[in-house]
Amino acid sequence: SRLVRCAVVRLCARTAGLGPSMATFCAQPLVEPLAAAAKAVAQGGPPLAEGIRRVLEVVVPLTAKPALKAGLLELRTAGVLAHITHRLIGRLAEEGVEGQAALTM
């Protein structure tokens, strides 16, 4: 699973330089699960911390690439991440000891 995520990061990093809209094209499938998770958390659903963590393991290394950073900003990824973080930390803080352990993850 980790190997697949590493391969996705390399693939996106290489293909983002192929054209002006490729960065957005590559980043959109990564942002969609984050947006879905943000919507689920906002509607009172479970935080899905494990799934969010896996997507972030792909998104975070890509932010170092200028072309992909532009694509991620165009897709408003920063706002989605801020919303998820705000809701997730609030939920996990309410869960007590287990939530505190998840916050340090």
PDB file of N, CA and C in Angstrom:
ATOM      1  N   SER A   1       0.819  -1.183   0.000  1.00  0.00           N
ATOM      2  CA  SER A   1       0.000   0.000   0.000  1.00  0.00           C
ATOM      3  C   SER A   1       0.873   1.262   0.000  1.00  0.00           C
ATOM      4  N   ARG A   2       1.898   1.266   0.821  1.00  0.00           N
ATOM      5  CA  ARG A   2       2.796   2.415   0.861  1.00  0.00           C
ATOM      6  C   ARG A   2       3.558   2.548  -0.452  1.00  0.00           C
ATOM      7  N   LEU A   3       3.921   1.413  -1.029  1.00  0.00           N
ATOM      8  CA  LEU A   3       4.629   1.417  -2.305  1.00  0.00           C
ATOM      9  C   LEU A   3       3.752   2.002  -3.409  1.00  0.00           C
ATOM     10  N   VAL A   4       2.490   1.694  -3.385  1.00  0.00           N
ATOM     11  CA  VAL A   4       1.563   2.244  -4.377  1.00  0.00           C
ATOM     12  C   VAL A   4       1.441   3.752  -4.204  1.00  0.00           C
ATOM     13  N   ARG A   5       1.355   4.219  -2.961  1.00  0.00           N
ATOM     14  CA  ARG A   5       1.270   5.660  -2.727  1.00  0.00           C
ATOM     15  C   ARG A   5       2.529   6.370  -3.201  1.00  0.00           C
ATOM     16  N   CYS A   6       3.685   5.764  -2.984  1.00  0.00           N
ATOM     17  CA  CYS A   6       4.941   6.351  -3.477  1.00  0.00           C
ATOM     18  C   CYS A   6       4.951   6.412  -5.003  1.00  0.00           C
ATOM     19  N   ALA A   7       4.439   5.370  -5.641  1.00  0.00           N
ATOM     20  CA  ALA A   7       4.374   5.354  -7.105  1.00  0.00           C
ATOM     21  C   ALA A   7       3.427   6.433  -7.623  1.00  0.00           C
ATOM     22  N   VAL A   8       2.324   6.656  -6.924  1.00  0.00           N
ATOM     23  CA  VAL A   8       1.384   7.704  -7.328  1.00  0.00           C
ATOM     24  C   VAL A   8       2.037   9.074  -7.216  1.00  0.00           C
ATOM     25  N   VAL A   9       2.798   9.296  -6.151  1.00  0.00           N
ATOM     26  CA  VAL A   9       3.495  10.572  -5.984  1.00  0.00           C
ATOM     27  C   VAL A   9       4.472  10.792  -7.133  1.00  0.00           C
ATOM     28  N   ARG A  10       5.260   9.785  -7.473  1.00  0.00           N
ATOM     29  CA  ARG A  10       6.223   9.921  -8.580  1.00  0.00           C
ATOM     30  C   ARG A  10       5.516  10.158  -9.903  1.00  0.00           C
ATOM     31  N   LEU A  11       4.445   9.422 -10.145  1.00  0.00           N
ATOM     32  CA  LEU A  11       3.699   9.577 -11.391  1.00  0.00           C
ATOM     33  C   LEU A  11       3.127  10.983 -11.516  1.00  0.00           C
ATOM     34  N   CYS A  12       2.512  11.471 -10.456  1.00  0.00           N
ATOM     35  CA  CYS A  12       1.939  12.819 -10.490  1.00  0.00           C
ATOM     36  C   CYS A  12       3.018  13.880 -10.656  1.00  0.00           C
ATOM     37  N   ALA A  13       4.135  13.705  -9.971  1.00  0.00           N
ATOM     38  CA  ALA A  13       5.221  14.681 -10.068  1.00  0.00           C
ATOM     39  C   ALA A  13       5.775  14.753 -11.485  1.00  0.00           C
ATOM     40  N   ARG A  14       5.881  13.623 -12.147  1.00  0.00           N
ATOM     41  CA  ARG A  14       6.410  13.612 -13.514  1.00  0.00           C
ATOM     42  C   ARG A  14       5.397  14.124 -14.536  1.00  0.00           C
ATOM     43  N   THR A  15       4.155  13.750 -14.393  1.00  0.00           N
ATOM     44  CA  THR A  15       3.163  14.148 -15.391  1.00  0.00           C
ATOM     45  C   THR A  15       2.710  15.593 -15.239  1.00  0.00           C
ATOM     46  N   ALA A  16       2.907  16.198 -14.082  1.00  0.00           N
ATOM     47  CA  ALA A  16       2.463  17.575 -13.872  1.00  0.00           C
ATOM     48  C   ALA A  16       3.196  18.552 -14.773  1.00  0.00           C
ATOM     49  N   GLY A  17       4.398  18.209 -15.192  1.00  0.00           N
ATOM     50  CA  GLY A  17       5.167  19.104 -16.046  1.00  0.00           C
ATOM     51  C   GLY A  17       4.873  18.965 -17.526  1.00  0.00           C
ATOM     52  N   LEU A  18       3.939  18.125 -17.906  1.00  0.00           N
ATOM     53  CA  LEU A  18       3.671  17.885 -19.325  1.00  0.00           C
ATOM     54  C   LEU A  18       2.860  18.987 -19.995  1.00  0.00           C
ATOM     55  N   GLY A  19       2.134  19.755 -19.260  1.00  0.00           N
ATOM     56  CA  GLY A  19       1.327  20.808 -19.864  1.00  0.00           C
ATOM     57  C   GLY A  19       0.741  21.714 -18.806  1.00  0.00           C
ATOM     58  N   PRO A  20       0.166  22.839 -19.225  1.00  0.00           N
ATOM     59  CA  PRO A  20      -0.323  23.808 -18.241  1.00  0.00           C
ATOM     60  C   PRO A  20      -1.491  23.313 -17.389  1.00  0.00           C
ATOM     61  N   SER A  21      -2.305  22.416 -17.904  1.00  0.00           N
ATOM     62  CA  SER A  21      -3.449  21.960 -17.113  1.00  0.00           C
ATOM     63  C   SER A  21      -3.232  20.577 -16.502  1.00  0.00           C
ATOM     64  N   MET A  22      -2.066  19.992 -16.710  1.00  0.00           N
ATOM     65  CA  MET A  22      -1.817  18.647 -16.188  1.00  0.00           C
ATOM     66  C   MET A  22      -1.747  18.611 -14.665  1.00  0.00           C
ATOM     67  N   ALA A  23      -1.259  19.680 -14.050  1.00  0.00           N
ATOM     68  CA  ALA A  23      -1.160  19.695 -12.587  1.00  0.00           C
ATOM     69  C   ALA A  23      -2.545  19.592 -11.959  1.00  0.00           C
ATOM     70  N   THR A  24      -3.485  20.362 -12.481  1.00  0.00           N
ATOM     71  CA  THR A  24      -4.854  20.292 -11.969  1.00  0.00           C
ATOM     72  C   THR A  24      -5.470  18.935 -12.273  1.00  0.00           C
ATOM     73  N   PHE A  25      -5.196  18.420 -13.463  1.00  0.00           N
ATOM     74  CA  PHE A  25      -5.716  17.111 -13.859  1.00  0.00           C
ATOM     75  C   PHE A  25      -5.197  16.014 -12.931  1.00  0.00           C
ATOM     76  N   CYS A  26      -3.919  16.094 -12.550  1.00  0.00           N
ATOM     77  CA  CYS A  26      -3.326  15.088 -11.661  1.00  0.00           C
ATOM     78  C   CYS A  26      -3.793  15.253 -10.218  1.00  0.00           C
ATOM     79  N   ALA A  27      -4.009  16.484  -9.793  1.00  0.00           N
ATOM     80  CA  ALA A  27      -4.356  16.734  -8.394  1.00  0.00           C
ATOM     81  C   ALA A  27      -5.833  16.497  -8.102  1.00  0.00           C
ATOM     82  N   GLN A  28      -6.684  16.632  -9.094  1.00  0.00           N
ATOM     83  CA  GLN A  28      -8.121  16.526  -8.849  1.00  0.00           C
ATOM     84  C   GLN A  28      -8.545  15.188  -8.248  1.00  0.00           C
ATOM     85  N   PRO A  29      -8.051  14.036  -8.733  1.00  0.00           N
ATOM     86  CA  PRO A  29      -8.457  12.775  -8.094  1.00  0.00           C
ATOM     87  C   PRO A  29      -7.969  12.635  -6.655  1.00  0.00           C
ATOM     88  N   LEU A  30      -6.943  13.391  -6.287  1.00  0.00           N
ATOM     89  CA  LEU A  30      -6.450  13.344  -4.913  1.00  0.00           C
ATOM     90  C   LEU A  30      -7.264  14.249  -3.998  1.00  0.00           C
ATOM     91  N   VAL A  31      -7.780  15.328  -4.553  1.00  0.00           N
ATOM     92  CA  VAL A  31      -8.535  16.281  -3.740  1.00  0.00           C
ATOM     93  C   VAL A  31      -9.973  15.806  -3.527  1.00  0.00           C
ATOM     94  N   GLU A  32     -10.521  15.063  -4.474  1.00  0.00           N
ATOM     95  CA  GLU A  32     -11.911  14.607  -4.354  1.00  0.00           C
ATOM     96  C   GLU A  32     -12.176  13.788  -3.093  1.00  0.00           C
ATOM     97  N   PRO A  33     -11.307  12.815  -2.708  1.00  0.00           N
ATOM     98  CA  PRO A  33     -11.575  12.098  -1.449  1.00  0.00           C
ATOM     99  C   PRO A  33     -11.488  13.004  -0.225  1.00  0.00           C
ATOM    100  N   LEU A  34     -10.604  14.004  -0.280  1.00  0.00           N
ATOM    101  CA  LEU A  34     -10.517  14.938   0.842  1.00  0.00           C
ATOM    102  C   LEU A  34     -11.787  15.774   0.941  1.00  0.00           C
ATOM    103  N   ALA A  35     -12.300  16.219  -0.200  1.00  0.00           N
ATOM    104  CA  ALA A  35     -13.537  17.003  -0.193  1.00  0.00           C
ATOM    105  C   ALA A  35     -14.711  16.154   0.287  1.00  0.00           C
ATOM    106  N   ALA A  36     -14.750  14.895  -0.121  1.00  0.00           N
ATOM    107  CA  ALA A  36     -15.817  13.997   0.338  1.00  0.00           C
ATOM    108  C   ALA A  36     -15.716  13.763   1.841  1.00  0.00           C
ATOM    109  N   ALA A  37     -14.494  13.615   2.339  1.00  0.00           N
ATOM    110  CA  ALA A  37     -14.300  13.430   3.780  1.00  0.00           C
ATOM    111  C   ALA A  37     -14.703  14.680   4.542  1.00  0.00           C
ATOM    112  N   ALA A  38     -14.375  15.857   3.994  1.00  0.00           N
ATOM    113  CA  ALA A  38     -14.758  17.110   4.648  1.00  0.00           C
ATOM    114  C   ALA A  38     -16.271  17.238   4.711  1.00  0.00           C
ATOM    115  N   LYS A  39     -16.951  16.855   3.633  1.00  0.00           N
ATOM    116  CA  LYS A  39     -18.413  16.929   3.616  1.00  0.00           C
ATOM    117  C   LYS A  39     -19.013  15.948   4.619  1.00  0.00           C
ATOM    118  N   ALA A  40     -18.437  14.743   4.706  1.00  0.00           N
ATOM    119  CA  ALA A  40     -18.940  13.738   5.648  1.00  0.00           C
ATOM    120  C   ALA A  40     -18.750  14.190   7.088  1.00  0.00           C
ATOM    121  N   VAL A  41     -17.595  14.774   7.376  1.00  0.00           N
ATOM    122  CA  VAL A  41     -17.321  15.247   8.733  1.00  0.00           C
ATOM    123  C   VAL A  41     -18.238  16.415   9.072  1.00  0.00           C
ATOM    124  N   ALA A  42     -18.493  17.303   8.110  1.00  0.00           N
ATOM    125  CA  ALA A  42     -19.356  18.456   8.360  1.00  0.00           C
ATOM    126  C   ALA A  42     -20.796  18.032   8.626  1.00  0.00           C
ATOM    127  N   GLN A  43     -21.218  16.925   8.030  1.00  0.00           N
ATOM    128  CA  GLN A  43     -22.587  16.460   8.219  1.00  0.00           C
ATOM    129  C   GLN A  43     -22.735  15.561   9.440  1.00  0.00           C
ATOM    130  N   GLY A  44     -21.672  15.425  10.217  1.00  0.00           N
ATOM    131  CA  GLY A  44     -21.752  14.654  11.449  1.00  0.00           C
ATOM    132  C   GLY A  44     -21.341  13.210  11.303  1.00  0.00           C
ATOM    133  N   GLY A  45     -20.763  12.853  10.184  1.00  0.00           N
ATOM    134  CA  GLY A  45     -20.315  11.481   9.969  1.00  0.00           C
ATOM    135  C   GLY A  45     -19.009  11.205  10.695  1.00  0.00           C
ATOM    136  N   PRO A  46     -18.514   9.983  10.598  1.00  0.00           N
ATOM    137  CA  PRO A  46     -17.247   9.651  11.250  1.00  0.00           C
ATOM    138  C   PRO A  46     -16.086  10.377  10.575  1.00  0.00           C
ATOM    139  N   PRO A  47     -15.028  10.679  11.313  1.00  0.00           N
ATOM    140  CA  PRO A  47     -13.929  11.453  10.757  1.00  0.00           C
ATOM    141  C   PRO A  47     -13.091  10.726   9.707  1.00  0.00           C
ATOM    142  N   LEU A  48     -13.143   9.412   9.623  1.00  0.00           N
ATOM    143  CA  LEU A  48     -12.390   8.654   8.616  1.00  0.00           C
ATOM    144  C   LEU A  48     -10.902   8.997   8.630  1.00  0.00           C
ATOM    145  N   ALA A  49     -10.318   9.018   9.817  1.00  0.00           N
ATOM    146  CA  ALA A  49      -8.938   9.469   9.985  1.00  0.00           C
ATOM    147  C   ALA A  49      -7.948   8.643   9.177  1.00  0.00           C
ATOM    148  N   GLU A  50      -8.142   7.348   9.084  1.00  0.00           N
ATOM    149  CA  GLU A  50      -7.188   6.495   8.365  1.00  0.00           C
ATOM    150  C   GLU A  50      -7.196   6.800   6.870  1.00  0.00           C
ATOM    151  N   GLY A  51      -8.360   6.965   6.293  1.00  0.00           N
ATOM    152  CA  GLY A  51      -8.450   7.289   4.872  1.00  0.00           C
ATOM    153  C   GLY A  51      -7.873   8.658   4.561  1.00  0.00           C
ATOM    154  N   ILE A  52      -8.151   9.618   5.430  1.00  0.00           N
ATOM    155  CA  ILE A  52      -7.605  10.965   5.245  1.00  0.00           C
ATOM    156  C   ILE A  52      -6.087  10.922   5.335  1.00  0.00           C
ATOM    157  N   ARG A  53      -5.562  10.156   6.282  1.00  0.00           N
ATOM    158  CA  ARG A  53      -4.110  10.061   6.436  1.00  0.00           C
ATOM    159  C   ARG A  53      -3.462   9.494   5.179  1.00  0.00           C
ATOM    160  N   ARG A  54      -4.074   8.492   4.591  1.00  0.00           N
ATOM    161  CA  ARG A  54      -3.501   7.882   3.383  1.00  0.00           C
ATOM    162  C   ARG A  54      -3.488   8.856   2.212  1.00  0.00           C
ATOM    163  N   VAL A  55      -4.550   9.624   2.065  1.00  0.00           N
ATOM    164  CA  VAL A  55      -4.575  10.609   0.980  1.00  0.00           C
ATOM    165  C   VAL A  55      -3.552  11.709   1.248  1.00  0.00           C
ATOM    166  N   LEU A  56      -3.425  12.120   2.505  1.00  0.00           N
ATOM    167  CA  LEU A  56      -2.450  13.161   2.833  1.00  0.00           C
ATOM    168  C   LEU A  56      -1.019  12.692   2.607  1.00  0.00           C
ATOM    169  N   GLU A  57      -0.767  11.398   2.777  1.00  0.00           N
ATOM    170  CA  GLU A  57       0.569  10.872   2.501  1.00  0.00           C
ATOM    171  C   GLU A  57       0.936  11.021   1.034  1.00  0.00           C
ATOM    172  N   VAL A  58      -0.040  11.167   0.178  1.00  0.00           N
ATOM    173  CA  VAL A  58       0.217  11.405  -1.243  1.00  0.00           C
ATOM    174  C   VAL A  58       0.248  12.904  -1.536  1.00  0.00           C
ATOM    175  N   VAL A  59      -0.674  13.662  -0.953  1.00  0.00           N
ATOM    176  CA  VAL A  59      -0.796  15.080  -1.266  1.00  0.00           C
ATOM    177  C   VAL A  59       0.379  15.892  -0.724  1.00  0.00           C
ATOM    178  N   VAL A  60       0.801  15.621   0.491  1.00  0.00           N
ATOM    179  CA  VAL A  60       1.832  16.447   1.129  1.00  0.00           C
ATOM    180  C   VAL A  60       3.148  16.461   0.350  1.00  0.00           C
ATOM    181  N   PRO A  61       3.695  15.330  -0.098  1.00  0.00           N
ATOM    182  CA  PRO A  61       4.935  15.411  -0.879  1.00  0.00           C
ATOM    183  C   PRO A  61       4.768  16.155  -2.207  1.00  0.00           C
ATOM    184  N   LEU A  62       3.571  16.151  -2.747  1.00  0.00           N
ATOM    185  CA  LEU A  62       3.347  16.824  -4.026  1.00  0.00           C
ATOM    186  C   LEU A  62       3.334  18.340  -3.893  1.00  0.00           C
ATOM    187  N   THR A  63       3.097  18.852  -2.698  1.00  0.00           N
ATOM    188  CA  THR A  63       3.066  20.303  -2.525  1.00  0.00           C
ATOM    189  C   THR A  63       4.435  20.936  -2.695  1.00  0.00           C
ATOM    190  N   ALA A  64       5.484  20.140  -2.686  1.00  0.00           N
ATOM    191  CA  ALA A  64       6.827  20.682  -2.894  1.00  0.00           C
ATOM    192  C   ALA A  64       7.106  20.967  -4.365  1.00  0.00           C
ATOM    193  N   LYS A  65       6.331  20.407  -5.258  1.00  0.00           N
ATOM    194  CA  LYS A  65       6.512  20.621  -6.695  1.00  0.00           C
ATOM    195  C   LYS A  65       5.717  21.858  -7.114  1.00  0.00           C
ATOM    196  N   PRO A  66       6.376  22.865  -7.706  1.00  0.00           N
ATOM    197  CA  PRO A  66       5.674  24.118  -8.035  1.00  0.00           C
ATOM    198  C   PRO A  66       4.442  23.939  -8.924  1.00  0.00           C
ATOM    199  N   ALA A  67       4.522  23.084  -9.932  1.00  0.00           N
ATOM    200  CA  ALA A  67       3.374  22.905 -10.828  1.00  0.00           C
ATOM    201  C   ALA A  67       2.193  22.303 -10.076  1.00  0.00           C
ATOM    202  N   LEU A  68       2.459  21.313  -9.257  1.00  0.00           N
ATOM    203  CA  LEU A  68       1.372  20.685  -8.499  1.00  0.00           C
ATOM    204  C   LEU A  68       0.861  21.593  -7.391  1.00  0.00           C
ATOM    205  N   LYS A  69       1.739  22.402  -6.838  1.00  0.00           N
ATOM    206  CA  LYS A  69       1.293  23.352  -5.821  1.00  0.00           C
ATOM    207  C   LYS A  69       0.273  24.309  -6.433  1.00  0.00           C
ATOM    208  N   ALA A  70       0.540  24.759  -7.653  1.00  0.00           N
ATOM    209  CA  ALA A  70      -0.406  25.641  -8.334  1.00  0.00           C
ATOM    210  C   ALA A  70      -1.730  24.924  -8.591  1.00  0.00           C
ATOM    211  N   GLY A  71      -1.658  23.669  -9.003  1.00  0.00           N
ATOM    212  CA  GLY A  71      -2.880  22.900  -9.234  1.00  0.00           C
ATOM    213  C   GLY A  71      -3.670  22.683  -7.961  1.00  0.00           C
ATOM    214  N   LEU A  72      -2.966  22.394  -6.872  1.00  0.00           N
ATOM    215  CA  LEU A  72      -3.645  22.187  -5.588  1.00  0.00           C
ATOM    216  C   LEU A  72      -4.285  23.477  -5.087  1.00  0.00           C
ATOM    217  N   LEU A  73      -3.605  24.609  -5.295  1.00  0.00           N
ATOM    218  CA  LEU A  73      -4.184  25.890  -4.892  1.00  0.00           C
ATOM    219  C   LEU A  73      -5.395  26.241  -5.750  1.00  0.00           C
ATOM    220  N   GLU A  74      -5.328  25.903  -7.036  1.00  0.00           N
ATOM    221  CA  GLU A  74      -6.456  26.165  -7.929  1.00  0.00           C
ATOM    222  C   GLU A  74      -7.689  25.362  -7.513  1.00  0.00           C
ATOM    223  N   LEU A  75      -7.460  24.178  -6.996  1.00  0.00           N
ATOM    224  CA  LEU A  75      -8.565  23.323  -6.548  1.00  0.00           C
ATOM    225  C   LEU A  75      -9.009  23.629  -5.119  1.00  0.00           C
ATOM    226  N   ARG A  76      -8.431  24.659  -4.521  1.00  0.00           N
ATOM    227  CA  ARG A  76      -8.762  25.095  -3.154  1.00  0.00           C
ATOM    228  C   ARG A  76      -8.518  24.004  -2.117  1.00  0.00           C
ATOM    229  N   THR A  77      -7.412  23.305  -2.280  1.00  0.00           N
ATOM    230  CA  THR A  77      -7.074  22.219  -1.370  1.00  0.00           C
ATOM    231  C   THR A  77      -6.779  22.737   0.034  1.00  0.00           C
ATOM    232  N   ALA A  78      -6.185  23.915   0.131  1.00  0.00           N
ATOM    233  CA  ALA A  78      -5.849  24.459   1.450  1.00  0.00           C
ATOM    234  C   ALA A  78      -7.109  24.668   2.288  1.00  0.00           C
ATOM    235  N   GLY A  79      -8.167  25.162   1.676  1.00  0.00           N
ATOM    236  CA  GLY A  79      -9.426  25.353   2.394  1.00  0.00           C
ATOM    237  C   GLY A  79     -10.048  24.036   2.831  1.00  0.00           C
ATOM    238  N   VAL A  80      -9.971  23.045   1.951  1.00  0.00           N
ATOM    239  CA  VAL A  80     -10.506  21.719   2.288  1.00  0.00           C
ATOM    240  C   VAL A  80      -9.732  21.132   3.461  1.00  0.00           C
ATOM    241  N   LEU A  81      -8.403  21.247   3.414  1.00  0.00           N
ATOM    242  CA  LEU A  81      -7.574  20.715   4.501  1.00  0.00           C
ATOM    243  C   LEU A  81      -7.828  21.452   5.810  1.00  0.00           C
ATOM    244  N   ALA A  82      -8.011  22.767   5.735  1.00  0.00           N
ATOM    245  CA  ALA A  82      -8.298  23.532   6.948  1.00  0.00           C
ATOM    246  C   ALA A  82      -9.626  23.091   7.560  1.00  0.00           C
ATOM    247  N   HIS A  83     -10.619  22.867   6.723  1.00  0.00           N
ATOM    248  CA  HIS A  83     -11.934  22.428   7.210  1.00  0.00           C
ATOM    249  C   HIS A  83     -11.840  21.044   7.852  1.00  0.00           C
ATOM    250  N   ILE A  84     -11.131  20.130   7.192  1.00  0.00           N
ATOM    251  CA  ILE A  84     -10.974  18.777   7.739  1.00  0.00           C
ATOM    252  C   ILE A  84     -10.229  18.823   9.064  1.00  0.00           C
ATOM    253  N   THR A  85      -9.152  19.584   9.107  1.00  0.00           N
ATOM    254  CA  THR A  85      -8.348  19.665  10.326  1.00  0.00           C
ATOM    255  C   THR A  85      -9.169  20.234  11.477  1.00  0.00           C
ATOM    256  N   HIS A  86      -9.915  21.282  11.211  1.00  0.00           N
ATOM    257  CA  HIS A  86     -10.736  21.904  12.254  1.00  0.00           C
ATOM    258  C   HIS A  86     -11.758  20.913  12.812  1.00  0.00           C
ATOM    259  N   ARG A  87     -12.470  20.247  11.933  1.00  0.00           N
ATOM    260  CA  ARG A  87     -13.491  19.293  12.375  1.00  0.00           C
ATOM    261  C   ARG A  87     -12.882  18.058  13.030  1.00  0.00           C
ATOM    262  N   LEU A  88     -11.795  17.564  12.446  1.00  0.00           N
ATOM    263  CA  LEU A  88     -11.171  16.345  12.946  1.00  0.00           C
ATOM    264  C   LEU A  88     -10.579  16.554  14.334  1.00  0.00           C
ATOM    265  N   ILE A  89      -9.903  17.679  14.539  1.00  0.00           N
ATOM    266  CA  ILE A  89      -9.309  17.949  15.851  1.00  0.00           C
ATOM    267  C   ILE A  89     -10.408  18.132  16.895  1.00  0.00           C
ATOM    268  N   GLY A  90     -11.478  18.804  16.524  1.00  0.00           N
ATOM    269  CA  GLY A  90     -12.591  18.966  17.459  1.00  0.00           C
ATOM    270  C   GLY A  90     -13.198  17.637  17.868  1.00  0.00           C
ATOM    271  N   ARG A  91     -13.400  16.764  16.894  1.00  0.00           N
ATOM    272  CA  ARG A  91     -13.974  15.445  17.186  1.00  0.00           C
ATOM    273  C   ARG A  91     -13.030  14.603  18.031  1.00  0.00           C
ATOM    274  N   LEU A  92     -11.761  14.579  17.647  1.00  0.00           N
ATOM    275  CA  LEU A  92     -10.811  13.732  18.363  1.00  0.00           C
ATOM    276  C   LEU A  92     -10.548  14.246  19.770  1.00  0.00           C
ATOM    277  N   ALA A  93     -10.618  15.552  19.971  1.00  0.00           N
ATOM    278  CA  ALA A  93     -10.416  16.100  21.309  1.00  0.00           C
ATOM    279  C   ALA A  93     -11.545  15.679  22.245  1.00  0.00           C
ATOM    280  N   GLU A  94     -12.731  15.472  21.695  1.00  0.00           N
ATOM    281  CA  GLU A  94     -13.868  15.052  22.510  1.00  0.00           C
ATOM    282  C   GLU A  94     -13.802  13.580  22.892  1.00  0.00           C
ATOM    283  N   GLU A  95     -13.009  12.797  22.181  1.00  0.00           N
ATOM    284  CA  GLU A  95     -12.985  11.358  22.406  1.00  0.00           C
ATOM    285  C   GLU A  95     -12.097  10.924  23.562  1.00  0.00           C
ATOM    286  N   GLY A  96     -11.422  11.847  24.201  1.00  0.00           N
ATOM    287  CA  GLY A  96     -10.615  11.497  25.361  1.00  0.00           C
ATOM    288  C   GLY A  96      -9.229  11.006  24.997  1.00  0.00           C
ATOM    289  N   VAL A  97      -8.761   9.994  25.718  1.00  0.00           N
ATOM    290  CA  VAL A  97      -7.387   9.510  25.586  1.00  0.00           C
ATOM    291  C   VAL A  97      -7.099   8.994  24.181  1.00  0.00           C
ATOM    292  N   GLU A  98      -8.006   8.245  23.586  1.00  0.00           N
ATOM    293  CA  GLU A  98      -7.781   7.716  22.243  1.00  0.00           C
ATOM    294  C   GLU A  98      -7.682   8.844  21.224  1.00  0.00           C
ATOM    295  N   GLY A  99      -8.467   9.878  21.405  1.00  0.00           N
ATOM    296  CA  GLY A  99      -8.407  11.022  20.507  1.00  0.00           C
ATOM    297  C   GLY A  99      -7.085  11.753  20.602  1.00  0.00           C
ATOM    298  N   GLN A 100      -6.553  11.870  21.816  1.00  0.00           N
ATOM    299  CA  GLN A 100      -5.255  12.534  21.980  1.00  0.00           C
ATOM    300  C   GLN A 100      -4.153  11.751  21.298  1.00  0.00           C
ATOM    301  N   ALA A 101      -4.218  10.433  21.357  1.00  0.00           N
ATOM    302  CA  ALA A 101      -3.213   9.614  20.676  1.00  0.00           C
ATOM    303  C   ALA A 101      -3.322   9.788  19.168  1.00  0.00           C
ATOM    304  N   ALA A 102      -4.536   9.923  18.650  1.00  0.00           N
ATOM    305  CA  ALA A 102      -4.721  10.106  17.209  1.00  0.00           C
ATOM    306  C   ALA A 102      -4.253  11.482  16.766  1.00  0.00           C
ATOM    307  N   LEU A 103      -4.376  12.484  17.644  1.00  0.00           N
ATOM    308  CA  LEU A 103      -3.934  13.828  17.290  1.00  0.00           C
ATOM    309  C   LEU A 103      -2.428  13.903  17.111  1.00  0.00           C
ATOM    310  N   THR A 104      -1.691  13.081  17.813  1.00  0.00           N
ATOM    311  CA  THR A 104      -0.235  13.111  17.678  1.00  0.00           C
ATOM    312  C   THR A 104       0.241  12.304  16.486  1.00  0.00           C
ATOM    313  N   MET A 105      -0.673  11.648  15.786  1.00  0.00           N
ATOM    314  CA  MET A 105      -0.338  10.796  14.648  1.00  0.00           C
ATOM    315  C   MET A 105       0.341  11.571  13.590  1.00  0.00           C
TER     316      MET A 105
END
